[in-house]
Amino acid sequence: MNPIVKSLIEESNLSDFLAPNQKYRAKDLEKFAELMVRECLKVVQDGGGMCGSISSNNIKQHFGLEE
């Protein structure tokens, strides 16, 4: 799991879902976080231009997302 996503889960008081017996729940939370980031990327990319491209690449790199 991406360390940033894990930190955000813990910050949200959802760390119970990170317990070994909750591995499927942790995957669900990780997928949810990925989908949220991808939606944010769409907004940034729709802004267009060089700034949108650079910003979206920075966000992808920060959260460890592939294309």
Protein backbone atom coordinates (compact mmCIF):
# COMPACT_ATOMS: atom_id res chain seq x y z
CA MET A 1 0.00 0.00 0.00
CA ASN A 2 1.21 3.47 -0.84
CA PRO A 3 2.59 5.06 2.37
CA ILE A 4 0.62 8.26 1.75
CA VAL A 5 -2.64 6.36 1.39
CA LYS A 6 -1.84 4.37 4.53
CA SER A 7 -1.16 7.58 6.43
CA LEU A 8 -4.44 9.11 5.24
CA ILE A 9 -6.35 5.99 6.31
CA GLU A 10 -4.77 6.20 9.75
CA GLU A 11 -5.52 9.93 9.94
CA SER A 12 -9.15 9.18 9.12
CA ASN A 13 -9.44 6.79 12.08
CA LEU A 14 -9.92 3.86 9.70
CA SER A 15 -6.73 2.05 10.69
CA ASP A 16 -8.78 -0.92 11.97
CA PHE A 17 -9.15 -1.82 8.30
CA LEU A 18 -5.38 -2.20 8.02
CA ALA A 19 -5.31 -5.15 10.45
CA PRO A 20 -4.11 -8.45 8.92
CA ASN A 21 -7.58 -10.01 9.20
CA GLN A 22 -9.03 -7.08 7.21
CA LYS A 23 -6.79 -7.31 4.14
CA TYR A 24 -9.73 -7.24 1.73
CA ARG A 25 -11.08 -4.12 3.40
CA ALA A 26 -7.65 -2.48 3.16
CA LYS A 27 -7.62 -3.23 -0.59
CA ASP A 28 -11.07 -1.63 -0.90
CA LEU A 29 -9.85 1.51 0.88
CA GLU A 30 -6.76 1.62 -1.29
CA LYS A 31 -8.89 1.32 -4.44
CA PHE A 32 -11.21 4.06 -3.18
CA ALA A 33 -8.23 6.36 -2.58
CA GLU A 34 -6.89 5.62 -6.07
CA LEU A 35 -10.25 6.44 -7.64
CA MET A 36 -10.44 9.72 -5.72
CA VAL A 37 -6.96 10.72 -6.89
CA ARG A 38 -7.81 9.79 -10.48
CA GLU A 39 -10.93 12.00 -10.34
CA CYS A 40 -8.78 14.88 -9.08
CA LEU A 41 -6.35 14.23 -11.93
CA LYS A 42 -9.20 14.59 -14.43
CA VAL A 43 -10.05 18.00 -13.00
CA VAL A 44 -6.41 19.15 -13.19
CA GLN A 45 -5.93 17.76 -16.70
CA ASP A 46 -9.15 19.36 -17.91
CA GLY A 47 -7.60 22.70 -16.95
CA GLY A 48 -5.33 22.10 -19.91
CA GLY A 49 -2.08 23.64 -20.88
CA MET A 50 1.41 22.99 -19.57
CA CYS A 51 0.39 23.63 -15.95
CA GLY A 52 -2.30 20.96 -16.05
CA SER A 53 0.10 18.43 -17.51
CA ILE A 54 2.88 19.17 -15.03
CA SER A 55 0.49 19.21 -12.07
CA SER A 56 -1.14 15.92 -13.03
CA ASN A 57 2.27 14.28 -13.44
CA ASN A 58 3.33 15.57 -10.02
CA ILE A 59 0.15 14.20 -8.43
CA LYS A 60 0.62 10.80 -10.09
CA GLN A 61 4.19 10.62 -8.88
CA HIS A 62 3.25 11.73 -5.35
CA PHE A 63 0.63 8.98 -5.00
CA GLY A 64 2.58 6.36 -6.93
CA LEU A 65 0.04 5.99 -9.73
CA GLU A 66 0.81 4.64 -13.15
CA GLU A 67 -0.83 5.94 -16.30
